[in-house]
PDB file of N, CA and C in Angstrom:
ATOM      1  N   MET A   1      19.496   0.456   0.068  1.00  0.00           N
ATOM      2  CA  MET A   1      18.084   0.226  -0.034  1.00  0.00           C
ATOM      3  C   MET A   1      17.399   1.117   0.984  1.00  0.00           C
ATOM      4  N   THR A   2      16.420   1.855   0.438  1.00  0.00           N
ATOM      5  CA  THR A   2      15.617   2.799   1.355  1.00  0.00           C
ATOM      6  C   THR A   2      14.535   2.043   2.010  1.00  0.00           C
ATOM      7  N   THR A   3      14.383   2.286   3.333  1.00  0.00           N
ATOM      8  CA  THR A   3      13.189   1.672   4.143  1.00  0.00           C
ATOM      9  C   THR A   3      12.366   2.849   4.636  1.00  0.00           C
ATOM     10  N   TYR A   4      11.082   2.531   4.611  1.00  0.00           N
ATOM     11  CA  TYR A   4      10.068   3.487   5.162  1.00  0.00           C
ATOM     12  C   TYR A   4       9.323   2.891   6.251  1.00  0.00           C
ATOM     13  N   SER A   5       8.990   3.643   7.273  1.00  0.00           N
ATOM     14  CA  SER A   5       8.203   3.107   8.412  1.00  0.00           C
ATOM     15  C   SER A   5       7.411   4.179   8.978  1.00  0.00           C
ATOM     16  N   GLU A   6       6.427   3.879   9.856  1.00  0.00           N
ATOM     17  CA  GLU A   6       5.597   4.823  10.436  1.00  0.00           C
ATOM     18  C   GLU A   6       5.511   4.406  11.960  1.00  0.00           C
ATOM     19  N   ASP A   7       5.586   5.444  12.839  1.00  0.00           N
ATOM     20  CA  ASP A   7       5.371   5.303  14.191  1.00  0.00           C
ATOM     21  C   ASP A   7       3.827   5.230  14.466  1.00  0.00           C
ATOM     22  N   ALA A   8       3.448   4.848  15.723  1.00  0.00           N
ATOM     23  CA  ALA A   8       2.054   4.848  16.018  1.00  0.00           C
ATOM     24  C   ALA A   8       1.555   6.225  16.085  1.00  0.00           C
ATOM     25  N   PRO A   9       0.278   6.524  15.729  1.00  0.00           N
ATOM     26  CA  PRO A   9      -0.151   7.886  15.770  1.00  0.00           C
ATOM     27  C   PRO A   9      -0.271   8.317  17.290  1.00  0.00           C
ATOM     28  N   ILE A  10      -0.135   9.556  17.466  1.00  0.00           N
ATOM     29  CA  ILE A  10      -0.163  10.106  18.911  1.00  0.00           C
ATOM     30  C   ILE A  10      -1.358  11.253  18.867  1.00  0.00           C
ATOM     31  N   ASP A  11      -2.229  11.200  19.882  1.00  0.00           N
ATOM     32  CA  ASP A  11      -3.253  12.202  20.146  1.00  0.00           C
ATOM     33  C   ASP A  11      -2.601  13.351  20.811  1.00  0.00           C
ATOM     34  N   ILE A  12      -2.669  14.580  20.054  1.00  0.00           N
ATOM     35  CA  ILE A  12      -1.982  15.715  20.743  1.00  0.00           C
ATOM     36  C   ILE A  12      -3.057  16.728  21.123  1.00  0.00           C
ATOM     37  N   GLY A  13      -4.340  16.358  21.230  1.00  0.00           N
ATOM     38  CA  GLY A  13      -5.315  17.257  21.653  1.00  0.00           C
ATOM     39  C   GLY A  13      -6.103  18.006  20.589  1.00  0.00           C
ATOM     40  N   HIS A  14      -7.285  18.545  20.958  1.00  0.00           N
ATOM     41  CA  HIS A  14      -8.127  19.409  20.056  1.00  0.00           C
ATOM     42  C   HIS A  14      -8.490  18.585  18.765  1.00  0.00           C
ATOM     43  N   GLY A  15      -8.603  17.293  18.885  1.00  0.00           N
ATOM     44  CA  GLY A  15      -8.999  16.446  17.823  1.00  0.00           C
ATOM     45  C   GLY A  15      -7.893  16.097  16.793  1.00  0.00           C
ATOM     46  N   VAL A  16      -6.593  16.509  17.172  1.00  0.00           N
ATOM     47  CA  VAL A  16      -5.571  16.345  16.275  1.00  0.00           C
ATOM     48  C   VAL A  16      -4.596  15.121  16.722  1.00  0.00           C
ATOM     49  N   ALA A  17      -4.130  14.392  15.690  1.00  0.00           N
ATOM     50  CA  ALA A  17      -3.236  13.317  15.880  1.00  0.00           C
ATOM     51  C   ALA A  17      -2.122  13.438  14.940  1.00  0.00           C
ATOM     52  N   ILE A  18      -0.834  13.024  15.389  1.00  0.00           N
ATOM     53  CA  ILE A  18       0.271  13.089  14.488  1.00  0.00           C
ATOM     54  C   ILE A  18       0.925  11.694  14.521  1.00  0.00           C
ATOM     55  N   GLN A  19       1.652  11.481  13.337  1.00  0.00           N
ATOM     56  CA  GLN A  19       2.374  10.231  13.176  1.00  0.00           C
ATOM     57  C   GLN A  19       3.657  10.442  12.410  1.00  0.00           C
ATOM     58  N   ALA A  20       4.747  10.154  13.092  1.00  0.00           N
ATOM     59  CA  ALA A  20       6.097  10.285  12.486  1.00  0.00           C
ATOM     60  C   ALA A  20       6.185   9.211  11.321  1.00  0.00           C
ATOM     61  N   ARG A  21       6.721   9.761  10.203  1.00  0.00           N
ATOM     62  CA  ARG A  21       7.026   8.906   9.038  1.00  0.00           C
ATOM     63  C   ARG A  21       8.592   8.938   8.964  1.00  0.00           C
ATOM     64  N   ARG A  22       9.105   7.742   8.859  1.00  0.00           N
ATOM     65  CA  ARG A  22      10.520   7.630   8.884  1.00  0.00           C
ATOM     66  C   ARG A  22      11.105   7.109   7.487  1.00  0.00           C
ATOM     67  N   ILE A  23      12.310   7.580   7.199  1.00  0.00           N
ATOM     68  CA  ILE A  23      12.912   7.064   6.039  1.00  0.00           C
ATOM     69  C   ILE A  23      14.387   6.698   6.549  1.00  0.00           C
ATOM     70  N   ASN A  24      14.692   5.359   6.357  1.00  0.00           N
ATOM     71  CA  ASN A  24      15.917   4.778   6.874  1.00  0.00           C
ATOM     72  C   ASN A  24      16.063   5.053   8.377  1.00  0.00           C
ATOM     73  N   GLY A  25      14.980   5.053   9.174  1.00  0.00           N
ATOM     74  CA  GLY A  25      15.010   5.262  10.541  1.00  0.00           C
ATOM     75  C   GLY A  25      15.006   6.639  11.005  1.00  0.00           C
ATOM     76  N   ARG A  26      15.113   7.616  10.134  1.00  0.00           N
ATOM     77  CA  ARG A  26      15.202   9.057  10.479  1.00  0.00           C
ATOM     78  C   ARG A  26      13.831   9.732  10.133  1.00  0.00           C
ATOM     79  N   ILE A  27      13.288  10.582  11.008  1.00  0.00           N
ATOM     80  CA  ILE A  27      12.083  11.191  10.807  1.00  0.00           C
ATOM     81  C   ILE A  27      12.106  12.080   9.591  1.00  0.00           C
ATOM     82  N   GLY A  28      11.304  11.860   8.550  1.00  0.00           N
ATOM     83  CA  GLY A  28      11.195  12.710   7.449  1.00  0.00           C
ATOM     84  C   GLY A  28      10.119  13.529   7.307  1.00  0.00           C
ATOM     85  N   GLY A  29       9.125  13.424   8.229  1.00  0.00           N
ATOM     86  CA  GLY A  29       7.862  14.208   8.236  1.00  0.00           C
ATOM     87  C   GLY A  29       6.909  13.670   9.169  1.00  0.00           C
ATOM     88  N   PHE A  30       5.780  14.279   9.277  1.00  0.00           N
ATOM     89  CA  PHE A  30       4.686  13.888  10.039  1.00  0.00           C
ATOM     90  C   PHE A  30       3.384  13.901   9.214  1.00  0.00           C
ATOM     91  N   ALA A  31       2.577  12.868   9.292  1.00  0.00           N
ATOM     92  CA  ALA A  31       1.137  12.883   8.839  1.00  0.00           C
ATOM     93  C   ALA A  31       0.407  13.533  10.076  1.00  0.00           C
ATOM     94  N   TRP A  32      -0.631  14.261   9.835  1.00  0.00           N
ATOM     95  CA  TRP A  32      -1.425  14.834  10.941  1.00  0.00           C
ATOM     96  C   TRP A  32      -2.850  14.814  10.484  1.00  0.00           C
ATOM     97  N   TRP A  33      -3.733  14.501  11.346  1.00  0.00           N
ATOM     98  CA  TRP A  33      -5.141  14.366  11.202  1.00  0.00           C
ATOM     99  C   TRP A  33      -5.857  15.427  11.964  1.00  0.00           C
ATOM    100  N   HIS A  34      -6.939  16.067  11.560  1.00  0.00           N
ATOM    101  CA  HIS A  34      -7.636  17.059  12.189  1.00  0.00           C
ATOM    102  C   HIS A  34      -9.006  17.144  11.837  1.00  0.00           C
ATOM    103  N   PRO A  35      -9.894  17.707  12.722  1.00  0.00           N
ATOM    104  CA  PRO A  35     -11.301  17.864  12.264  1.00  0.00           C
ATOM    105  C   PRO A  35     -11.441  18.912  11.116  1.00  0.00           C
ATOM    106  N   CYS A  36     -12.280  18.555  10.135  1.00  0.00           N
ATOM    107  CA  CYS A  36     -12.495  19.503   8.993  1.00  0.00           C
ATOM    108  C   CYS A  36     -13.970  19.487   8.779  1.00  0.00           C
ATOM    109  N   GLU A  37     -14.466  20.546   8.070  1.00  0.00           N
ATOM    110  CA  GLU A  37     -15.922  20.615   7.788  1.00  0.00           C
ATOM    111  C   GLU A  37     -16.463  19.431   7.107  1.00  0.00           C
ATOM    112  N   THR A  38     -15.642  18.780   6.219  1.00  0.00           N
ATOM    113  CA  THR A  38     -16.023  17.570   5.609  1.00  0.00           C
ATOM    114  C   THR A  38     -15.754  16.237   6.217  1.00  0.00           C
ATOM    115  N   GLY A  39     -15.364  16.360   7.480  1.00  0.00           N
ATOM    116  CA  GLY A  39     -14.938  15.215   8.252  1.00  0.00           C
ATOM    117  C   GLY A  39     -13.454  15.212   8.702  1.00  0.00           C
ATOM    118  N   ARG A  40     -12.929  14.151   9.110  1.00  0.00           N
ATOM    119  CA  ARG A  40     -11.532  14.042   9.499  1.00  0.00           C
ATOM    120  C   ARG A  40     -10.644  14.094   8.291  1.00  0.00           C
ATOM    121  N   ARG A  41      -9.641  15.018   8.396  1.00  0.00           N
ATOM    122  CA  ARG A  41      -8.742  15.173   7.194  1.00  0.00           C
ATOM    123  C   ARG A  41      -7.303  14.898   7.536  1.00  0.00           C
ATOM    124  N   GLU A  42      -6.508  14.373   6.616  1.00  0.00           N
ATOM    125  CA  GLU A  42      -5.190  13.956   6.823  1.00  0.00           C
ATOM    126  C   GLU A  42      -4.297  14.936   5.949  1.00  0.00           C
ATOM    127  N   ASP A  43      -3.306  15.477   6.538  1.00  0.00           N
ATOM    128  CA  ASP A  43      -2.331  16.345   5.800  1.00  0.00           C
ATOM    129  C   ASP A  43      -0.875  15.798   6.192  1.00  0.00           C
ATOM    130  N   TYR A  44       0.022  16.476   5.603  1.00  0.00           N
ATOM    131  CA  TYR A  44       1.466  15.982   5.888  1.00  0.00           C
ATOM    132  C   TYR A  44       2.386  17.205   5.895  1.00  0.00           C
ATOM    133  N   VAL A  45       3.386  17.138   6.772  1.00  0.00           N
ATOM    134  CA  VAL A  45       4.446  18.111   6.766  1.00  0.00           C
ATOM    135  C   VAL A  45       5.733  17.404   6.709  1.00  0.00           C
ATOM    136  N   ASN A  46       6.713  17.798   5.904  1.00  0.00           N
ATOM    137  CA  ASN A  46       8.011  17.233   5.785  1.00  0.00           C
ATOM    138  C   ASN A  46       8.978  17.870   6.712  1.00  0.00           C
ATOM    139  N   THR A  47       9.906  17.164   7.226  1.00  0.00           N
ATOM    140  CA  THR A  47      11.048  17.752   8.145  1.00  0.00           C
ATOM    141  C   THR A  47      12.312  17.627   7.437  1.00  0.00           C
ATOM    142  N   GLU A  48      12.364  17.147   6.206  1.00  0.00           N
ATOM    143  CA  GLU A  48      13.534  17.032   5.315  1.00  0.00           C
ATOM    144  C   GLU A  48      13.081  17.949   4.092  1.00  0.00           C
ATOM    145  N   PRO A  49      14.139  18.577   3.524  1.00  0.00           N
ATOM    146  CA  PRO A  49      13.835  19.476   2.324  1.00  0.00           C
ATOM    147  C   PRO A  49      13.272  18.678   1.193  1.00  0.00           C
ATOM    148  N   VAL A  50      12.284  19.132   0.469  1.00  0.00           N
ATOM    149  CA  VAL A  50      11.733  18.544  -0.696  1.00  0.00           C
ATOM    150  C   VAL A  50      11.639  19.695  -1.754  1.00  0.00           C
ATOM    151  N   GLY A  51      12.533  19.605  -2.786  1.00  0.00           N
ATOM    152  CA  GLY A  51      12.550  20.666  -3.822  1.00  0.00           C
ATOM    153  C   GLY A  51      12.945  21.998  -3.114  1.00  0.00           C
ATOM    154  N   PRO A  52      12.149  22.958  -3.484  1.00  0.00           N
ATOM    155  CA  PRO A  52      12.369  24.249  -2.896  1.00  0.00           C
ATOM    156  C   PRO A  52      11.783  24.499  -1.447  1.00  0.00           C
ATOM    157  N   ASN A  53      10.977  23.470  -0.965  1.00  0.00           N
ATOM    158  CA  ASN A  53      10.409  23.521   0.366  1.00  0.00           C
ATOM    159  C   ASN A  53      11.439  23.048   1.370  1.00  0.00           C
ATOM    160  N   PRO A  54      11.832  23.934   2.293  1.00  0.00           N
ATOM    161  CA  PRO A  54      12.897  23.517   3.218  1.00  0.00           C
ATOM    162  C   PRO A  54      12.328  22.641   4.330  1.00  0.00           C
ATOM    163  N   GLY A  55      11.066  22.622   4.444  1.00  0.00           N
ATOM    164  CA  GLY A  55      10.356  21.710   5.454  1.00  0.00           C
ATOM    165  C   GLY A  55      10.163  22.372   6.810  1.00  0.00           C
ATOM    166  N   TRP A  56       9.627  21.686   7.687  1.00  0.00           N
ATOM    167  CA  TRP A  56       9.365  22.128   9.038  1.00  0.00           C
ATOM    168  C   TRP A  56      10.593  21.762   9.875  1.00  0.00           C
ATOM    169  N   VAL A  57      10.942  22.503  10.921  1.00  0.00           N
ATOM    170  CA  VAL A  57      12.073  22.244  11.795  1.00  0.00           C
ATOM    171  C   VAL A  57      11.495  21.403  12.893  1.00  0.00           C
ATOM    172  N   LEU A  58      12.165  20.167  13.064  1.00  0.00           N
ATOM    173  CA  LEU A  58      11.771  19.321  14.259  1.00  0.00           C
ATOM    174  C   LEU A  58      12.610  19.790  15.321  1.00  0.00           C
ATOM    175  N   VAL A  59      12.177  20.565  16.277  1.00  0.00           N
ATOM    176  CA  VAL A  59      12.781  21.186  17.433  1.00  0.00           C
ATOM    177  C   VAL A  59      13.023  20.044  18.322  1.00  0.00           C
ATOM    178  N   SER A  60      12.059  19.141  18.605  1.00  0.00           N
ATOM    179  CA  SER A  60      12.197  18.063  19.595  1.00  0.00           C
ATOM    180  C   SER A  60      11.354  16.940  19.034  1.00  0.00           C
ATOM    181  N   ASP A  61      11.852  15.645  19.149  1.00  0.00           N
ATOM    182  CA  ASP A  61      11.023  14.519  18.820  1.00  0.00           C
ATOM    183  C   ASP A  61      10.380  13.826  19.928  1.00  0.00           C
ATOM    184  N   SER A  62      10.733  14.207  21.227  1.00  0.00           N
ATOM    185  CA  SER A  62      10.107  13.596  22.379  1.00  0.00           C
ATOM    186  C   SER A  62      10.219  14.589  23.524  1.00  0.00           C
ATOM    187  N   PRO A  63       9.160  15.321  23.852  1.00  0.00           N
ATOM    188  CA  PRO A  63       7.876  15.291  23.052  1.00  0.00           C
ATOM    189  C   PRO A  63       7.977  16.162  21.770  1.00  0.00           C
ATOM    190  N   VAL A  64       7.226  15.918  20.756  1.00  0.00           N
ATOM    191  CA  VAL A  64       7.305  16.534  19.508  1.00  0.00           C
ATOM    192  C   VAL A  64       7.014  18.073  19.593  1.00  0.00           C
ATOM    193  N   THR A  65       7.968  18.793  19.022  1.00  0.00           N
ATOM    194  CA  THR A  65       7.743  20.195  18.839  1.00  0.00           C
ATOM    195  C   THR A  65       8.238  20.562  17.405  1.00  0.00           C
ATOM    196  N   LEU A  66       7.299  21.123  16.603  1.00  0.00           N
ATOM    197  CA  LEU A  66       7.573  21.501  15.281  1.00  0.00           C
ATOM    198  C   LEU A  66       7.419  22.976  14.992  1.00  0.00           C
ATOM    199  N   THR A  67       8.204  23.577  14.162  1.00  0.00           N
ATOM    200  CA  THR A  67       7.927  24.937  13.785  1.00  0.00           C
ATOM    201  C   THR A  67       8.263  25.122  12.293  1.00  0.00           C
ATOM    202  N   PRO A  68       7.454  25.904  11.557  1.00  0.00           N
ATOM    203  CA  PRO A  68       6.465  26.862  12.031  1.00  0.00           C
ATOM    204  C   PRO A  68       5.209  26.166  12.292  1.00  0.00           C
ATOM    205  N   SER A  69       4.106  26.931  12.444  1.00  0.00           N
ATOM    206  CA  SER A  69       2.827  26.447  12.680  1.00  0.00           C
ATOM    207  C   SER A  69       2.347  25.539  11.402  1.00  0.00           C
ATOM    208  N   MET A  70       1.245  24.798  11.663  1.00  0.00           N
ATOM    209  CA  MET A  70       0.722  23.907  10.626  1.00  0.00           C
ATOM    210  C   MET A  70      -0.748  24.497  10.289  1.00  0.00           C
ATOM    211  N   ARG A  71      -1.018  24.622   8.996  1.00  0.00           N
ATOM    212  CA  ARG A  71      -2.341  25.061   8.662  1.00  0.00           C
ATOM    213  C   ARG A  71      -2.865  24.255   7.404  1.00  0.00           C
ATOM    214  N   CYS A  72      -4.070  23.823   7.595  1.00  0.00           N
ATOM    215  CA  CYS A  72      -4.785  23.147   6.474  1.00  0.00           C
ATOM    216  C   CYS A  72      -5.208  24.120   5.452  1.00  0.00           C
ATOM    217  N   LEU A  73      -4.772  23.893   4.292  1.00  0.00           N
ATOM    218  CA  LEU A  73      -5.117  24.875   3.169  1.00  0.00           C
ATOM    219  C   LEU A  73      -6.631  24.640   2.716  1.00  0.00           C
ATOM    220  N   ALA A  74      -7.146  23.500   2.968  1.00  0.00           N
ATOM    221  CA  ALA A  74      -8.526  23.203   2.573  1.00  0.00           C
ATOM    222  C   ALA A  74      -9.612  23.907   3.537  1.00  0.00           C
ATOM    223  N   CYS A  75      -9.355  23.857   4.930  1.00  0.00           N
ATOM    224  CA  CYS A  75     -10.355  24.299   5.786  1.00  0.00           C
ATOM    225  C   CYS A  75      -9.787  25.478   6.651  1.00  0.00           C
ATOM    226  N   GLY A  76      -8.464  25.746   6.672  1.00  0.00           N
ATOM    227  CA  GLY A  76      -7.893  26.801   7.606  1.00  0.00           C
ATOM    228  C   GLY A  76      -7.634  26.344   8.945  1.00  0.00           C
ATOM    229  N   PHE A  77      -7.834  25.160   9.353  1.00  0.00           N
ATOM    230  CA  PHE A  77      -7.487  24.708  10.689  1.00  0.00           C
ATOM    231  C   PHE A  77      -6.035  24.899  10.932  1.00  0.00           C
ATOM    232  N   HIS A  78      -5.692  25.511  11.985  1.00  0.00           N
ATOM    233  CA  HIS A  78      -4.332  26.135  12.089  1.00  0.00           C
ATOM    234  C   HIS A  78      -3.858  26.065  13.643  1.00  0.00           C
ATOM    235  N   GLY A  79      -2.581  25.772  13.814  1.00  0.00           N
ATOM    236  CA  GLY A  79      -2.062  25.752  15.100  1.00  0.00           C
ATOM    237  C   GLY A  79      -0.569  25.267  15.137  1.00  0.00           C
ATOM    238  N   HIS A  80      -0.097  25.130  16.388  1.00  0.00           N
ATOM    239  CA  HIS A  80       1.293  24.748  16.592  1.00  0.00           C
ATOM    240  C   HIS A  80       1.357  23.367  17.306  1.00  0.00           C
ATOM    241  N   VAL A  81       2.458  22.623  17.093  1.00  0.00           N
ATOM    242  CA  VAL A  81       2.786  21.482  17.850  1.00  0.00           C
ATOM    243  C   VAL A  81       3.849  21.837  18.789  1.00  0.00           C
ATOM    244  N   VAL A  82       3.631  21.889  20.105  1.00  0.00           N
ATOM    245  CA  VAL A  82       4.509  22.291  21.087  1.00  0.00           C
ATOM    246  C   VAL A  82       4.455  21.402  22.172  1.00  0.00           C
ATOM    247  N   ASP A  83       5.650  20.810  22.618  1.00  0.00           N
ATOM    248  CA  ASP A  83       5.758  19.857  23.719  1.00  0.00           C
ATOM    249  C   ASP A  83       4.685  18.731  23.542  1.00  0.00           C
ATOM    250  N   GLY A  84       4.538  18.166  22.324  1.00  0.00           N
ATOM    251  CA  GLY A  84       3.539  17.159  22.163  1.00  0.00           C
ATOM    252  C   GLY A  84       2.100  17.437  22.262  1.00  0.00           C
ATOM    253  N   ARG A  85       1.731  18.776  22.270  1.00  0.00           N
ATOM    254  CA  ARG A  85       0.326  19.278  22.404  1.00  0.00           C
ATOM    255  C   ARG A  85       0.142  20.070  21.198  1.00  0.00           C
ATOM    256  N   TRP A  86      -1.226  20.161  20.765  1.00  0.00           N
ATOM    257  CA  TRP A  86      -1.704  21.055  19.753  1.00  0.00           C
ATOM    258  C   TRP A  86      -2.060  22.386  20.454  1.00  0.00           C
ATOM    259  N   VAL A  87      -1.495  23.540  19.924  1.00  0.00           N
ATOM    260  CA  VAL A  87      -1.913  24.822  20.420  1.00  0.00           C
ATOM    261  C   VAL A  87      -2.569  25.559  19.351  1.00  0.00           C
ATOM    262  N   PRO A  88      -3.925  25.789  19.446  1.00  0.00           N
ATOM    263  CA  PRO A  88      -4.690  26.394  18.263  1.00  0.00           C
ATOM    264  C   PRO A  88      -4.214  27.825  18.090  1.00  0.00           C
ATOM    265  N   VAL A  89      -4.328  28.343  16.889  1.00  0.00           N
ATOM    266  CA  VAL A  89      -3.997  29.707  16.662  1.00  0.00           C
ATOM    267  C   VAL A  89      -5.386  30.519  16.572  1.00  0.00           C
TER     268      VAL A  89
END
């Protein structure tokens, strides 16, 4: 049986928050919220392969570090998650 859960959202600065999404207790990706021209926007990056998309690499889960950078295709908001902080590009 597959179980899904969500960690509490974490404020990582610059108006960005992330939330680990778990599948059977293992992080499968992160929801992330950021300021957008039309208001606050939610996006998602997977840390497990999905089809041809290999996903983001979870370098560290505490504090969170992901690679490569994350970019909103709708508004262009772009940056890195390094040591639990948002680093704008």
